PDB file of N, CA and C in Angstrom:
ATOM      1  N   HIS A   1       0.841  -1.182   0.000  1.00  0.00           N
ATOM      2  CA  HIS A   1       0.000   0.000   0.000  1.00  0.00           C
ATOM      3  C   HIS A   1       0.882   1.240   0.000  1.00  0.00           C
ATOM      4  N   GLY A   2       0.544   2.202  -0.820  1.00  0.00           N
ATOM      5  CA  GLY A   2       1.364   3.392  -0.998  1.00  0.00           C
ATOM      6  C   GLY A   2       1.617   4.214   0.232  1.00  0.00           C
ATOM      7  N   GLU A   3       0.688   4.216   1.153  1.00  0.00           N
ATOM      8  CA  GLU A   3       0.843   5.021   2.357  1.00  0.00           C
ATOM      9  C   GLU A   3       1.859   4.434   3.332  1.00  0.00           C
ATOM     10  N   ALA A   4       2.231   3.186   3.157  1.00  0.00           N
ATOM     11  CA  ALA A   4       3.163   2.519   4.063  1.00  0.00           C
ATOM     12  C   ALA A   4       4.523   3.198   4.105  1.00  0.00           C
ATOM     13  N   LEU A   5       4.930   3.845   3.023  1.00  0.00           N
ATOM     14  CA  LEU A   5       6.230   4.512   3.002  1.00  0.00           C
ATOM     15  C   LEU A   5       6.316   5.588   4.080  1.00  0.00           C
ATOM     16  N   ARG A   6       5.194   6.128   4.436  1.00  0.00           N
ATOM     17  CA  ARG A   6       5.148   7.152   5.486  1.00  0.00           C
ATOM     18  C   ARG A   6       5.723   6.630   6.797  1.00  0.00           C
ATOM     19  N   TRP A   7       5.495   5.388   7.093  1.00  0.00           N
ATOM     20  CA  TRP A   7       5.916   4.813   8.376  1.00  0.00           C
ATOM     21  C   TRP A   7       7.245   4.065   8.287  1.00  0.00           C
ATOM     22  N   CYS A   8       7.787   3.996   7.105  1.00  0.00           N
ATOM     23  CA  CYS A   8       9.039   3.262   6.889  1.00  0.00           C
ATOM     24  C   CYS A   8      10.226   4.038   7.466  1.00  0.00           C
ATOM     25  N   GLN A   9      10.986   3.392   8.317  1.00  0.00           N
ATOM     26  CA  GLN A   9      12.166   4.021   8.919  1.00  0.00           C
ATOM     27  C   GLN A   9      13.443   3.704   8.145  1.00  0.00           C
ATOM     28  N   ASP A  10      13.372   2.744   7.250  1.00  0.00           N
ATOM     29  CA  ASP A  10      14.534   2.298   6.491  1.00  0.00           C
ATOM     30  C   ASP A  10      14.837   3.292   5.364  1.00  0.00           C
ATOM     31  N   GLN A  11      15.911   4.052   5.517  1.00  0.00           N
ATOM     32  CA  GLN A  11      16.262   5.066   4.524  1.00  0.00           C
ATOM     33  C   GLN A  11      16.622   4.448   3.173  1.00  0.00           C
ATOM     34  N   ALA A  12      17.134   3.225   3.187  1.00  0.00           N
ATOM     35  CA  ALA A  12      17.458   2.556   1.923  1.00  0.00           C
ATOM     36  C   ALA A  12      16.184   2.327   1.118  1.00  0.00           C
ATOM     37  N   LEU A  13      15.096   1.944   1.781  1.00  0.00           N
ATOM     38  CA  LEU A  13      13.820   1.741   1.079  1.00  0.00           C
ATOM     39  C   LEU A  13      13.264   3.071   0.578  1.00  0.00           C
ATOM     40  N   ARG A  14      13.422   4.116   1.360  1.00  0.00           N
ATOM     41  CA  ARG A  14      12.937   5.431   0.946  1.00  0.00           C
ATOM     42  C   ARG A  14      13.734   5.971  -0.238  1.00  0.00           C
ATOM     43  N   GLY A  15      14.904   5.412  -0.459  1.00  0.00           N
ATOM     44  CA  GLY A  15      15.732   5.821  -1.574  1.00  0.00           C
ATOM     45  C   GLY A  15      15.698   4.854  -2.738  1.00  0.00           C
ATOM     46  N   ASP A  16      14.916   3.809  -2.627  1.00  0.00           N
ATOM     47  CA  ASP A  16      14.816   2.797  -3.678  1.00  0.00           C
ATOM     48  C   ASP A  16      13.779   3.242  -4.711  1.00  0.00           C
ATOM     49  N   ARG A  17      14.236   3.502  -5.919  1.00  0.00           N
ATOM     50  CA  ARG A  17      13.365   4.021  -6.981  1.00  0.00           C
ATOM     51  C   ARG A  17      12.132   3.152  -7.202  1.00  0.00           C
ATOM     52  N   GLU A  18      12.345   1.840  -7.282  1.00  0.00           N
ATOM     53  CA  GLU A  18      11.236   0.919  -7.567  1.00  0.00           C
ATOM     54  C   GLU A  18      10.194   0.940  -6.444  1.00  0.00           C
ATOM     55  N   VAL A  19      10.673   0.898  -5.221  1.00  0.00           N
ATOM     56  CA  VAL A  19       9.770   0.891  -4.063  1.00  0.00           C
ATOM     57  C   VAL A  19       8.959   2.174  -4.012  1.00  0.00           C
ATOM     58  N   VAL A  20       9.653   3.304  -4.180  1.00  0.00           N
ATOM     59  CA  VAL A  20       8.954   4.592  -4.086  1.00  0.00           C
ATOM     60  C   VAL A  20       7.981   4.776  -5.244  1.00  0.00           C
ATOM     61  N   LEU A  21       8.368   4.385  -6.444  1.00  0.00           N
ATOM     62  CA  LEU A  21       7.440   4.514  -7.569  1.00  0.00           C
ATOM     63  C   LEU A  21       6.192   3.665  -7.369  1.00  0.00           C
ATOM     64  N   ALA A  22       6.364   2.466  -6.840  1.00  0.00           N
ATOM     65  CA  ALA A  22       5.200   1.612  -6.564  1.00  0.00           C
ATOM     66  C   ALA A  22       4.303   2.274  -5.525  1.00  0.00           C
ATOM     67  N   ALA A  23       4.904   2.875  -4.521  1.00  0.00           N
ATOM     68  CA  ALA A  23       4.125   3.554  -3.482  1.00  0.00           C
ATOM     69  C   ALA A  23       3.409   4.782  -4.039  1.00  0.00           C
ATOM     70  N   VAL A  24       4.100   5.565  -4.855  1.00  0.00           N
ATOM     71  CA  VAL A  24       3.502   6.773  -5.443  1.00  0.00           C
ATOM     72  C   VAL A  24       2.343   6.410  -6.357  1.00  0.00           C
ATOM     73  N   GLU A  25       2.466   5.321  -7.081  1.00  0.00           N
ATOM     74  CA  GLU A  25       1.379   4.911  -7.975  1.00  0.00           C
ATOM     75  C   GLU A  25       0.094   4.681  -7.182  1.00  0.00           C
ATOM     76  N   GLU A  26       0.229   4.148  -5.992  1.00  0.00           N
ATOM     77  CA  GLU A  26      -0.927   3.887  -5.126  1.00  0.00           C
ATOM     78  C   GLU A  26      -1.396   5.134  -4.383  1.00  0.00           C
ATOM     79  N   HIS A  27      -0.434   5.949  -3.951  1.00  0.00           N
ATOM     80  CA  HIS A  27      -0.744   7.088  -3.089  1.00  0.00           C
ATOM     81  C   HIS A  27       0.278   8.190  -3.354  1.00  0.00           C
ATOM     82  N   GLY A  28      -0.138   9.251  -4.018  1.00  0.00           N
ATOM     83  CA  GLY A  28       0.780  10.317  -4.417  1.00  0.00           C
ATOM     84  C   GLY A  28       1.594  10.910  -3.289  1.00  0.00           C
ATOM     85  N   GLU A  29       1.029  10.927  -2.096  1.00  0.00           N
ATOM     86  CA  GLU A  29       1.715  11.505  -0.942  1.00  0.00           C
ATOM     87  C   GLU A  29       3.009  10.757  -0.620  1.00  0.00           C
ATOM     88  N   ALA A  30       3.142   9.536  -1.082  1.00  0.00           N
ATOM     89  CA  ALA A  30       4.356   8.756  -0.827  1.00  0.00           C
ATOM     90  C   ALA A  30       5.600   9.490  -1.312  1.00  0.00           C
ATOM     91  N   LEU A  31       5.457  10.333  -2.325  1.00  0.00           N
ATOM     92  CA  LEU A  31       6.609  11.085  -2.823  1.00  0.00           C
ATOM     93  C   LEU A  31       7.205  11.967  -1.726  1.00  0.00           C
ATOM     94  N   HIS A  32       6.375  12.450  -0.864  1.00  0.00           N
ATOM     95  CA  HIS A  32       6.822  13.288   0.258  1.00  0.00           C
ATOM     96  C   HIS A  32       7.784  12.532   1.171  1.00  0.00           C
ATOM     97  N   TYR A  33       7.666  11.228   1.245  1.00  0.00           N
ATOM     98  CA  TYR A  33       8.475  10.406   2.152  1.00  0.00           C
ATOM     99  C   TYR A  33       9.664   9.746   1.459  1.00  0.00           C
ATOM    100  N   ALA A  34       9.839  10.034   0.186  1.00  0.00           N
ATOM    101  CA  ALA A  34      11.003   9.517  -0.538  1.00  0.00           C
ATOM    102  C   ALA A  34      12.260  10.211  -0.036  1.00  0.00           C
ATOM    103  N   SER A  35      13.399   9.620  -0.320  1.00  0.00           N
ATOM    104  CA  SER A  35      14.665  10.228   0.095  1.00  0.00           C
ATOM    105  C   SER A  35      14.826  11.606  -0.548  1.00  0.00           C
ATOM    106  N   GLU A  36      15.617  12.421   0.078  1.00  0.00           N
ATOM    107  CA  GLU A  36      15.915  13.762  -0.427  1.00  0.00           C
ATOM    108  C   GLU A  36      16.477  13.681  -1.853  1.00  0.00           C
ATOM    109  N   ASP A  37      17.363  12.725  -2.080  1.00  0.00           N
ATOM    110  CA  ASP A  37      17.960  12.565  -3.415  1.00  0.00           C
ATOM    111  C   ASP A  37      16.898  12.301  -4.476  1.00  0.00           C
ATOM    112  N   LEU A  38      15.963  11.412  -4.181  1.00  0.00           N
ATOM    113  CA  LEU A  38      14.911  11.112  -5.159  1.00  0.00           C
ATOM    114  C   LEU A  38      13.994  12.313  -5.372  1.00  0.00           C
ATOM    115  N   ARG A  39      13.660  13.019  -4.309  1.00  0.00           N
ATOM    116  CA  ARG A  39      12.751  14.157  -4.445  1.00  0.00           C
ATOM    117  C   ARG A  39      13.356  15.308  -5.244  1.00  0.00           C
ATOM    118  N   HIS A  40      14.684  15.305  -5.394  1.00  0.00           N
ATOM    119  CA  HIS A  40      15.345  16.351  -6.172  1.00  0.00           C
ATOM    120  C   HIS A  40      15.842  15.855  -7.530  1.00  0.00           C
ATOM    121  N   ASP A  41      15.538  14.631  -7.862  1.00  0.00           N
ATOM    122  CA  ASP A  41      15.948  14.030  -9.135  1.00  0.00           C
ATOM    123  C   ASP A  41      14.820  14.244 -10.154  1.00  0.00           C
ATOM    124  N   ARG A  42      15.066  15.115 -11.128  1.00  0.00           N
ATOM    125  CA  ARG A  42      14.012  15.485 -12.081  1.00  0.00           C
ATOM    126  C   ARG A  42      13.472  14.280 -12.837  1.00  0.00           C
ATOM    127  N   ASN A  43      14.346  13.382 -13.268  1.00  0.00           N
ATOM    128  CA  ASN A  43      13.882  12.204 -14.003  1.00  0.00           C
ATOM    129  C   ASN A  43      13.002  11.319 -13.132  1.00  0.00           C
ATOM    130  N   PHE A  44      13.374  11.184 -11.883  1.00  0.00           N
ATOM    131  CA  PHE A  44      12.564  10.386 -10.963  1.00  0.00           C
ATOM    132  C   PHE A  44      11.204  11.057 -10.734  1.00  0.00           C
ATOM    133  N   VAL A  45      11.217  12.349 -10.491  1.00  0.00           N
ATOM    134  CA  VAL A  45       9.964  13.074 -10.252  1.00  0.00           C
ATOM    135  C   VAL A  45       9.052  12.967 -11.468  1.00  0.00           C
ATOM    136  N   LEU A  46       9.604  13.086 -12.659  1.00  0.00           N
ATOM    137  CA  LEU A  46       8.787  12.929 -13.870  1.00  0.00           C
ATOM    138  C   LEU A  46       8.162  11.535 -13.935  1.00  0.00           C
ATOM    139  N   ALA A  47       8.946  10.525 -13.604  1.00  0.00           N
ATOM    140  CA  ALA A  47       8.419   9.154 -13.615  1.00  0.00           C
ATOM    141  C   ALA A  47       7.292   9.005 -12.591  1.00  0.00           C
ATOM    142  N   ALA A  48       7.471   9.581 -11.419  1.00  0.00           N
ATOM    143  CA  ALA A  48       6.455   9.502 -10.365  1.00  0.00           C
ATOM    144  C   ALA A  48       5.179  10.224 -10.793  1.00  0.00           C
ATOM    145  N   ILE A  49       5.331  11.406 -11.352  1.00  0.00           N
ATOM    146  CA  ILE A  49       4.193  12.220 -11.797  1.00  0.00           C
ATOM    147  C   ILE A  49       3.409  11.498 -12.890  1.00  0.00           C
ATOM    148  N   GLN A  50       4.112  10.782 -13.750  1.00  0.00           N
ATOM    149  CA  GLN A  50       3.437  10.062 -14.825  1.00  0.00           C
ATOM    150  C   GLN A  50       2.617   8.896 -14.288  1.00  0.00           C
ATOM    151  N   LEU A  51       2.937   8.439 -13.093  1.00  0.00           N
ATOM    152  CA  LEU A  51       2.146   7.383 -12.456  1.00  0.00           C
ATOM    153  C   LEU A  51       0.975   7.953 -11.668  1.00  0.00           C
ATOM    154  N   ASN A  52       1.188   9.127 -11.074  1.00  0.00           N
ATOM    155  CA  ASN A  52       0.169   9.723 -10.216  1.00  0.00           C
ATOM    156  C   ASN A  52       0.338  11.242 -10.262  1.00  0.00           C
ATOM    157  N   GLY A  53      -0.468  11.899 -11.062  1.00  0.00           N
ATOM    158  CA  GLY A  53      -0.350  13.344 -11.237  1.00  0.00           C
ATOM    159  C   GLY A  53      -0.504  14.134  -9.957  1.00  0.00           C
ATOM    160  N   ALA A  54      -1.298  13.623  -9.023  1.00  0.00           N
ATOM    161  CA  ALA A  54      -1.504  14.324  -7.752  1.00  0.00           C
ATOM    162  C   ALA A  54      -0.231  14.399  -6.922  1.00  0.00           C
ATOM    163  N   ALA A  55       0.767  13.599  -7.262  1.00  0.00           N
ATOM    164  CA  ALA A  55       2.046  13.638  -6.546  1.00  0.00           C
ATOM    165  C   ALA A  55       2.730  14.993  -6.725  1.00  0.00           C
ATOM    166  N   LEU A  56       2.285  15.784  -7.694  1.00  0.00           N
ATOM    167  CA  LEU A  56       2.851  17.123  -7.872  1.00  0.00           C
ATOM    168  C   LEU A  56       2.775  17.918  -6.577  1.00  0.00           C
ATOM    169  N   ALA A  57       1.765  17.672  -5.786  1.00  0.00           N
ATOM    170  CA  ALA A  57       1.601  18.385  -4.510  1.00  0.00           C
ATOM    171  C   ALA A  57       2.756  18.139  -3.549  1.00  0.00           C
ATOM    172  N   TYR A  58       3.507  17.079  -3.764  1.00  0.00           N
ATOM    173  CA  TYR A  58       4.570  16.692  -2.833  1.00  0.00           C
ATOM    174  C   TYR A  58       5.962  16.873  -3.425  1.00  0.00           C
ATOM    175  N   THR A  59       6.035  17.650  -4.505  1.00  0.00           N
ATOM    176  CA  THR A  59       7.334  17.945  -5.112  1.00  0.00           C
ATOM    177  C   THR A  59       7.860  19.268  -4.587  1.00  0.00           C
ATOM    178  N   THR A  60       9.102  19.553  -4.913  1.00  0.00           N
ATOM    179  CA  THR A  60       9.689  20.837  -4.533  1.00  0.00           C
ATOM    180  C   THR A  60       9.074  21.943  -5.391  1.00  0.00           C
ATOM    181  N   TRP A  61       9.225  23.162  -4.919  1.00  0.00           N
ATOM    182  CA  TRP A  61       8.654  24.302  -5.630  1.00  0.00           C
ATOM    183  C   TRP A  61       9.220  24.406  -7.049  1.00  0.00           C
ATOM    184  N   SER A  62      10.479  24.069  -7.227  1.00  0.00           N
ATOM    185  CA  SER A  62      11.083  24.178  -8.567  1.00  0.00           C
ATOM    186  C   SER A  62      10.368  23.258  -9.563  1.00  0.00           C
ATOM    187  N   PHE A  63       9.907  22.096  -9.124  1.00  0.00           N
ATOM    188  CA  PHE A  63       9.188  21.203 -10.033  1.00  0.00           C
ATOM    189  C   PHE A  63       7.771  21.699 -10.302  1.00  0.00           C
ATOM    190  N   ARG A  64       7.208  22.417  -9.376  1.00  0.00           N
ATOM    191  CA  ARG A  64       5.868  22.973  -9.585  1.00  0.00           C
ATOM    192  C   ARG A  64       5.895  24.124 -10.587  1.00  0.00           C
ATOM    193  N   ARG A  65       7.089  24.631 -10.861  1.00  0.00           N
ATOM    194  CA  ARG A  65       7.276  25.683 -11.856  1.00  0.00           C
ATOM    195  C   ARG A  65       7.779  25.134 -13.184  1.00  0.00           C
ATOM    196  N   ASP A  66       8.108  23.879 -13.205  1.00  0.00           N
ATOM    197  CA  ASP A  66       8.702  23.243 -14.384  1.00  0.00           C
ATOM    198  C   ASP A  66       7.585  22.866 -15.364  1.00  0.00           C
ATOM    199  N   TYR A  67       7.585  23.504 -16.513  1.00  0.00           N
ATOM    200  CA  TYR A  67       6.521  23.304 -17.498  1.00  0.00           C
ATOM    201  C   TYR A  67       6.313  21.828 -17.819  1.00  0.00           C
ATOM    202  N   GLU A  68       7.380  21.124 -18.119  1.00  0.00           N
ATOM    203  CA  GLU A  68       7.270  19.716 -18.525  1.00  0.00           C
ATOM    204  C   GLU A  68       6.712  18.842 -17.395  1.00  0.00           C
ATOM    205  N   VAL A  69       7.153  19.080 -16.179  1.00  0.00           N
ATOM    206  CA  VAL A  69       6.674  18.300 -15.030  1.00  0.00           C
ATOM    207  C   VAL A  69       5.186  18.581 -14.793  1.00  0.00           C
ATOM    208  N   VAL A  70       4.827  19.838 -14.807  1.00  0.00           N
ATOM    209  CA  VAL A  70       3.419  20.202 -14.573  1.00  0.00           C
ATOM    210  C   VAL A  70       2.533  19.660 -15.687  1.00  0.00           C
ATOM    211  N   LEU A  71       2.995  19.754 -16.923  1.00  0.00           N
ATOM    212  CA  LEU A  71       2.200  19.229 -18.039  1.00  0.00           C
ATOM    213  C   LEU A  71       1.987  17.724 -17.887  1.00  0.00           C
ATOM    214  N   ALA A  72       3.023  17.007 -17.500  1.00  0.00           N
ATOM    215  CA  ALA A  72       2.885  15.560 -17.280  1.00  0.00           C
ATOM    216  C   ALA A  72       1.886  15.279 -16.162  1.00  0.00           C
ATOM    217  N   ALA A  73       1.928  16.088 -15.111  1.00  0.00           N
ATOM    218  CA  ALA A  73       1.020  15.890 -13.979  1.00  0.00           C
ATOM    219  C   ALA A  73      -0.434  16.115 -14.368  1.00  0.00           C
ATOM    220  N   VAL A  74      -0.703  17.197 -15.076  1.00  0.00           N
ATOM    221  CA  VAL A  74      -2.100  17.486 -15.430  1.00  0.00           C
ATOM    222  C   VAL A  74      -2.625  16.553 -16.513  1.00  0.00           C
ATOM    223  N   HIS A  75      -1.731  16.000 -17.330  1.00  0.00           N
ATOM    224  CA  HIS A  75      -2.167  14.968 -18.290  1.00  0.00           C
ATOM    225  C   HIS A  75      -2.710  13.760 -17.542  1.00  0.00           C
ATOM    226  N   ARG A  76      -2.090  13.457 -16.418  1.00  0.00           N
ATOM    227  CA  ARG A  76      -2.478  12.290 -15.618  1.00  0.00           C
ATOM    228  C   ARG A  76      -3.689  12.587 -14.734  1.00  0.00           C
ATOM    229  N   SER A  77      -3.706  13.813 -14.186  1.00  0.00           N
ATOM    230  CA  SER A  77      -4.776  14.199 -13.265  1.00  0.00           C
ATOM    231  C   SER A  77      -4.996  15.709 -13.355  1.00  0.00           C
ATOM    232  N   GLY A  78      -6.128  16.100 -13.849  1.00  0.00           N
ATOM    233  CA  GLY A  78      -6.423  17.521 -14.006  1.00  0.00           C
ATOM    234  C   GLY A  78      -6.357  18.315 -12.720  1.00  0.00           C
ATOM    235  N   VAL A  79      -6.681  17.682 -11.604  1.00  0.00           N
ATOM    236  CA  VAL A  79      -6.650  18.400 -10.322  1.00  0.00           C
ATOM    237  C   VAL A  79      -5.242  18.795  -9.918  1.00  0.00           C
ATOM    238  N   ALA A  80      -4.228  18.220 -10.555  1.00  0.00           N
ATOM    239  CA  ALA A  80      -2.842  18.593 -10.260  1.00  0.00           C
ATOM    240  C   ALA A  80      -2.587  20.059 -10.588  1.00  0.00           C
ATOM    241  N   LEU A  81      -3.435  20.648 -11.413  1.00  0.00           N
ATOM    242  CA  LEU A  81      -3.297  22.062 -11.756  1.00  0.00           C
ATOM    243  C   LEU A  81      -3.279  22.924 -10.492  1.00  0.00           C
ATOM    244  N   ALA A  82      -3.998  22.522  -9.484  1.00  0.00           N
ATOM    245  CA  ALA A  82      -4.046  23.287  -8.234  1.00  0.00           C
ATOM    246  C   ALA A  82      -2.686  23.389  -7.559  1.00  0.00           C
ATOM    247  N   TYR A  83      -1.773  22.478  -7.863  1.00  0.00           N
ATOM    248  CA  TYR A  83      -0.456  22.449  -7.217  1.00  0.00           C
ATOM    249  C   TYR A  83       0.632  23.092  -8.064  1.00  0.00           C
ATOM    250  N   ALA A  84       0.286  23.508  -9.268  1.00  0.00           N
ATOM    251  CA  ALA A  84       1.254  24.148 -10.162  1.00  0.00           C
ATOM    252  C   ALA A  84       1.529  25.572  -9.700  1.00  0.00           C
ATOM    253  N   ALA A  85       2.685  26.080 -10.083  1.00  0.00           N
ATOM    254  CA  ALA A  85       3.013  27.483  -9.807  1.00  0.00           C
ATOM    255  C   ALA A  85       1.981  28.369 -10.495  1.00  0.00           C
ATOM    256  N   GLU A  86       1.709  29.488  -9.881  1.00  0.00           N
ATOM    257  CA  GLU A  86       0.662  30.380 -10.378  1.00  0.00           C
ATOM    258  C   GLU A  86       0.859  30.755 -11.847  1.00  0.00           C
ATOM    259  N   GLU A  87       2.099  30.995 -12.245  1.00  0.00           N
ATOM    260  CA  GLU A  87       2.338  31.409 -13.635  1.00  0.00           C
ATOM    261  C   GLU A  87       2.001  30.309 -14.640  1.00  0.00           C
ATOM    262  N   LEU A  88       2.000  29.053 -14.211  1.00  0.00           N
ATOM    263  CA  LEU A  88       1.643  27.960 -15.116  1.00  0.00           C
ATOM    264  C   LEU A  88       0.145  27.664 -15.112  1.00  0.00           C
ATOM    265  N   ARG A  89      -0.561  28.131 -14.099  1.00  0.00           N
ATOM    266  CA  ARG A  89      -2.006  27.903 -14.043  1.00  0.00           C
ATOM    267  C   ARG A  89      -2.767  28.681 -15.110  1.00  0.00           C
ATOM    268  N   ASP A  90      -2.100  29.644 -15.728  1.00  0.00           N
ATOM    269  CA  ASP A  90      -2.720  30.427 -16.795  1.00  0.00           C
ATOM    270  C   ASP A  90      -2.230  30.013 -18.175  1.00  0.00           C
ATOM    271  N   ASN A  91      -1.378  29.020 -18.238  1.00  0.00           N
ATOM    272  CA  ASN A  91      -0.827  28.574 -19.514  1.00  0.00           C
ATOM    273  C   ASN A  91      -1.885  27.768 -20.272  1.00  0.00           C
ATOM    274  N   PHE A  92      -2.142  28.166 -21.506  1.00  0.00           N
ATOM    275  CA  PHE A  92      -3.208  27.541 -22.299  1.00  0.00           C
ATOM    276  C   PHE A  92      -3.025  26.029 -22.432  1.00  0.00           C
ATOM    277  N   ASP A  93      -1.818  25.584 -22.780  1.00  0.00           N
ATOM    278  CA  ASP A  93      -1.583  24.156 -22.993  1.00  0.00           C
ATOM    279  C   ASP A  93      -1.783  23.356 -21.710  1.00  0.00           C
ATOM    280  N   ILE A  94      -1.336  23.905 -20.607  1.00  0.00           N
ATOM    281  CA  ILE A  94      -1.469  23.196 -19.330  1.00  0.00           C
ATOM    282  C   ILE A  94      -2.928  23.127 -18.895  1.00  0.00           C
ATOM    283  N   VAL A  95      -3.626  24.236 -19.005  1.00  0.00           N
ATOM    284  CA  VAL A  95      -5.048  24.244 -18.623  1.00  0.00           C
ATOM    285  C   VAL A  95      -5.845  23.327 -19.538  1.00  0.00           C
ATOM    286  N   SER A  96      -5.547  23.349 -20.824  1.00  0.00           N
ATOM    287  CA  SER A  96      -6.242  22.459 -21.782  1.00  0.00           C
ATOM    288  C   SER A  96      -6.018  20.999 -21.437  1.00  0.00           C
ATOM    289  N   ALA A  97      -4.786  20.648 -21.095  1.00  0.00           N
ATOM    290  CA  ALA A  97      -4.478  19.262 -20.726  1.00  0.00           C
ATOM    291  C   ALA A  97      -5.199  18.865 -19.438  1.00  0.00           C
ATOM    292  N   ALA A  98      -5.294  19.781 -18.503  1.00  0.00           N
ATOM    293  CA  ALA A  98      -5.985  19.509 -17.240  1.00  0.00           C
ATOM    294  C   ALA A  98      -7.470  19.258 -17.483  1.00  0.00           C
ATOM    295  N   VAL A  99      -8.069  20.077 -18.322  1.00  0.00           N
ATOM    296  CA  VAL A  99      -9.493  19.916 -18.648  1.00  0.00           C
ATOM    297  C   VAL A  99      -9.720  18.595 -19.375  1.00  0.00           C
ATOM    298  N   ALA A 100      -8.860  18.287 -20.331  1.00  0.00           N
ATOM    299  CA  ALA A 100      -9.000  17.038 -21.092  1.00  0.00           C
ATOM    300  C   ALA A 100      -8.850  15.819 -20.202  1.00  0.00           C
ATOM    301  N   ALA A 101      -8.000  15.897 -19.200  1.00  0.00           N
ATOM    302  CA  ALA A 101      -7.782  14.768 -18.300  1.00  0.00           C
ATOM    303  C   ALA A 101      -9.008  14.465 -17.454  1.00  0.00           C
ATOM    304  N   GLU A 102      -9.813  15.472 -17.225  1.00  0.00           N
ATOM    305  CA  GLU A 102     -10.994  15.315 -16.370  1.00  0.00           C
ATOM    306  C   GLU A 102     -12.256  14.975 -17.140  1.00  0.00           C
ATOM    307  N   VAL A 103     -12.168  14.962 -18.466  1.00  0.00           N
ATOM    308  CA  VAL A 103     -13.356  14.674 -19.296  1.00  0.00           C
ATOM    309  C   VAL A 103     -13.535  13.179 -19.457  1.00  0.00           C
TER     310      VAL A 103
END
């Protein structure tokens, strides 16, 4: 279950890409409990977002401003738009993708 990472004390598991991605797929909040290294790894964050767009809420501010990351998130889940940086919430392509994801 994705929420289990929250209670995991083993830092090696929190840094294991496969374990964290499986957890994020189930529960986006799991990204918040990933190792610092994973949370700052753009490729990892993109992979996580593609599994669960709502995980955008648990990324660093720099990823919430990253056009490609936000676009991937809203493609997966339109509600992820709420977690994007304000300047991206007005972007036509991002808003269009968010609306399409919810239809």
